[in-house]
Amino acid sequence: KVSMTHNFKTPILLLPITNFTKFPIDDSVTKIDIYFKVSFAFSDTVSCIDNIITKEARYIEVEIATPSGIVIYEEDTCEDVAPKTTTFEADESFELGDWSLSIESRGAGEDFFGAIQDNWLIIVTVYRTCEQYPMEPPCDE
C-alpha cells in the first residue's frame, strides 16, 4: 500500500508541492485499487471555470505510470472530488517493475482556526496472490 496526503495550512504557495514515489509490481499482483479524494475550500462557489487564476492557484495533478512510461491513471482538478476508487484487474499480467506515482499540487489554508484547508488523499493498494504452503513436521502434528 502506498499513500500520500497533504493538508495546506498556509496562504497560497508560489511553488507547487511535488511528491513522487515508486512501488514494485511483480507477477503475483492480481489487482490495483486507487482511492482518491480532494477537498478545496469554497470550490462550490469559486470553481476552476470561474477564473483561470483559480486553476493556477489551487489544483492537483496525479499520474501513475508503468516502468515503460504508459500512464494508467491520471487526475487533474481544481475542484472537490468525492471519494472514489478506481480498480485495475490483471487480465493477463501487469507490466513488471517499479511503477511511479507522481503528484503536483497547490492549495491554500490557514492554521489559526483550521476551518479553511485545501487537502487531498490518494491510496494505492496492490493485491497479490497468496500461496499457502503446508506446514512441515513437527508443526503439522
Protein backbone atom coordinates (compact mmCIF):
# COMPACT_ATOMS: atom_id res chain seq x y z
CA LYS A 1 0.00 0.00 0.00
CA VAL A 2 1.26 3.45 -0.94
CA SER A 3 -0.46 6.56 0.36
CA MET A 4 0.12 10.29 0.11
CA THR A 5 -1.81 13.11 1.70
CA HIS A 6 -1.42 16.84 2.19
CA ASN A 7 -3.30 19.49 4.16
CA PHE A 8 -2.49 23.04 3.12
CA LYS A 9 -2.10 25.28 6.18
CA THR A 10 -0.66 28.45 4.67
CA PRO A 11 -1.82 31.06 2.18
CA ILE A 12 -1.37 30.20 -1.48
CA LEU A 13 2.11 28.96 -2.26
CA LEU A 14 4.17 30.34 -5.10
CA LEU A 15 5.76 26.97 -5.78
CA PRO A 16 3.71 23.78 -6.06
CA ILE A 17 4.12 20.83 -3.71
CA THR A 18 5.53 17.79 -5.52
CA ASN A 19 5.52 14.19 -4.38
CA PHE A 20 6.98 11.17 -6.12
CA THR A 21 7.36 7.52 -5.19
CA LYS A 22 7.75 4.15 -6.85
CA PHE A 23 6.11 0.85 -5.95
CA PRO A 24 7.02 -2.65 -7.17
CA ILE A 25 4.73 -4.74 -9.37
CA ASP A 26 5.60 -8.39 -9.92
CA ASP A 27 3.85 -11.41 -11.40
CA SER A 28 1.94 -12.08 -8.16
CA VAL A 29 -0.13 -8.87 -8.48
CA THR A 30 -3.80 -9.55 -9.25
CA LYS A 31 -5.42 -6.15 -8.67
CA ILE A 32 -4.61 -2.49 -8.06
CA ASP A 33 -7.06 -0.14 -6.30
CA ILE A 34 -6.61 3.64 -6.36
CA TYR A 35 -8.57 5.64 -3.77
CA PHE A 36 -8.65 9.39 -4.42
CA LYS A 37 -10.36 12.38 -2.81
CA VAL A 38 -9.85 16.14 -2.87
CA SER A 39 -11.33 19.00 -0.88
CA PHE A 40 -10.77 22.60 -1.95
CA ALA A 41 -12.40 25.12 0.39
CA PHE A 42 -15.20 27.05 -1.33
CA SER A 43 -14.76 25.19 -4.63
CA ASP A 44 -18.56 25.06 -4.86
CA THR A 45 -18.65 28.88 -5.16
CA VAL A 46 -15.26 29.59 -6.75
CA SER A 47 -14.66 26.87 -9.30
CA CYS A 48 -11.85 26.47 -11.83
CA ILE A 49 -14.20 27.61 -14.59
CA ASP A 50 -14.89 30.94 -12.84
CA ASN A 51 -11.35 32.18 -13.16
CA ILE A 52 -8.21 30.91 -14.83
CA ILE A 53 -6.24 32.22 -11.86
CA THR A 54 -8.13 29.79 -9.61
CA LYS A 55 -6.83 26.85 -11.66
CA GLU A 56 -3.27 28.11 -11.32
CA ALA A 57 -3.63 28.84 -7.61
CA ARG A 58 -5.35 25.65 -6.44
CA TYR A 59 -5.04 22.33 -8.22
CA ILE A 60 -3.80 18.75 -8.03
CA GLU A 61 -2.35 16.65 -10.84
CA VAL A 62 -1.85 12.91 -10.24
CA GLU A 63 -0.20 10.41 -12.55
CA ILE A 64 0.50 6.69 -12.16
CA ALA A 65 2.74 5.21 -14.83
CA THR A 66 4.22 1.82 -15.67
CA PRO A 67 8.01 1.33 -15.94
CA SER A 68 7.79 1.88 -19.71
CA GLY A 69 6.05 5.25 -19.15
CA ILE A 70 2.48 4.29 -20.04
CA VAL A 71 0.12 6.38 -17.90
CA ILE A 72 -2.60 4.11 -16.50
CA TYR A 73 -4.24 6.66 -14.19
CA GLU A 74 -4.39 10.44 -14.08
CA GLU A 75 -6.35 13.19 -12.39
CA ASP A 76 -6.17 16.94 -12.98
CA THR A 77 -8.62 19.02 -10.97
CA CYS A 78 -9.10 22.25 -9.09
CA GLU A 79 -12.44 21.31 -7.57
CA ASP A 80 -13.62 18.89 -4.91
CA VAL A 81 -13.52 15.23 -5.83
CA ALA A 82 -15.78 12.97 -3.78
CA PRO A 83 -14.03 9.83 -2.54
CA LYS A 84 -13.77 7.32 -5.37
CA THR A 85 -11.94 4.09 -6.04
CA THR A 86 -10.63 3.03 -9.45
CA THR A 87 -9.78 -0.66 -9.87
CA PHE A 88 -7.43 -2.30 -12.34
CA GLU A 89 -7.67 -6.10 -12.65
CA ALA A 90 -4.87 -8.20 -14.11
CA ASP A 91 -6.34 -9.64 -17.32
CA GLU A 92 -3.07 -11.32 -18.26
CA SER A 93 -0.50 -9.64 -16.05
CA PHE A 94 0.61 -6.14 -15.16
CA GLU A 95 3.82 -4.73 -16.58
CA LEU A 96 6.56 -5.85 -14.21
CA GLY A 97 8.91 -3.42 -12.49
CA ASP A 98 8.73 -0.23 -10.46
CA TRP A 99 5.62 1.82 -11.20
CA SER A 100 5.63 5.54 -10.39
CA LEU A 101 3.15 7.76 -8.58
CA SER A 102 3.74 11.48 -9.08
CA ILE A 103 1.71 14.36 -7.70
CA GLU A 104 1.91 18.10 -8.13
CA SER A 105 -0.45 20.32 -6.17
CA ARG A 106 -1.02 23.83 -4.96
CA GLY A 107 -3.56 24.97 -2.43
CA ALA A 108 -4.30 27.26 0.48
CA GLY A 109 -5.32 27.11 4.07
CA GLU A 110 -4.96 28.65 7.46
CA ASP A 111 -3.82 27.10 10.70
CA PHE A 112 -5.27 29.57 13.20
CA PHE A 113 -8.87 28.35 13.18
CA GLY A 114 -8.27 25.30 10.97
CA ALA A 115 -11.55 25.94 9.18
CA ILE A 116 -10.11 26.51 5.71
CA GLN A 117 -7.67 23.89 4.49
CA ASP A 118 -7.42 22.51 0.98
CA ASN A 119 -6.43 18.85 1.18
CA TRP A 120 -6.11 15.66 -0.81
CA LEU A 121 -5.54 11.95 -0.24
CA ILE A 122 -4.51 9.13 -2.56
CA ILE A 123 -4.03 5.49 -1.57
CA VAL A 124 -2.73 2.86 -3.99
CA THR A 125 -3.39 -0.69 -2.78
CA VAL A 126 -1.66 -3.55 -4.57
CA TYR A 127 -3.21 -7.01 -4.16
CA ARG A 128 -1.09 -10.12 -4.62
CA THR A 129 -1.85 -13.82 -4.80
CA CYS A 130 -1.05 -15.60 -1.61
CA GLU A 131 0.36 -19.09 -1.76
CA GLN A 132 -0.04 -21.19 1.31
CA TYR A 133 2.45 -23.96 1.92
CA PRO A 134 1.68 -26.99 4.10
CA MET A 135 3.41 -26.99 7.42
CA GLU A 136 6.33 -29.34 7.93
CA PRO A 137 6.76 -31.72 10.87
CA PRO A 138 6.66 -31.35 13.78
CA CYS A 139 4.42 -28.27 13.48
CA ASP A 140 1.70 -30.08 11.49
CA GLU A 141 1.12 -32.77 14.08
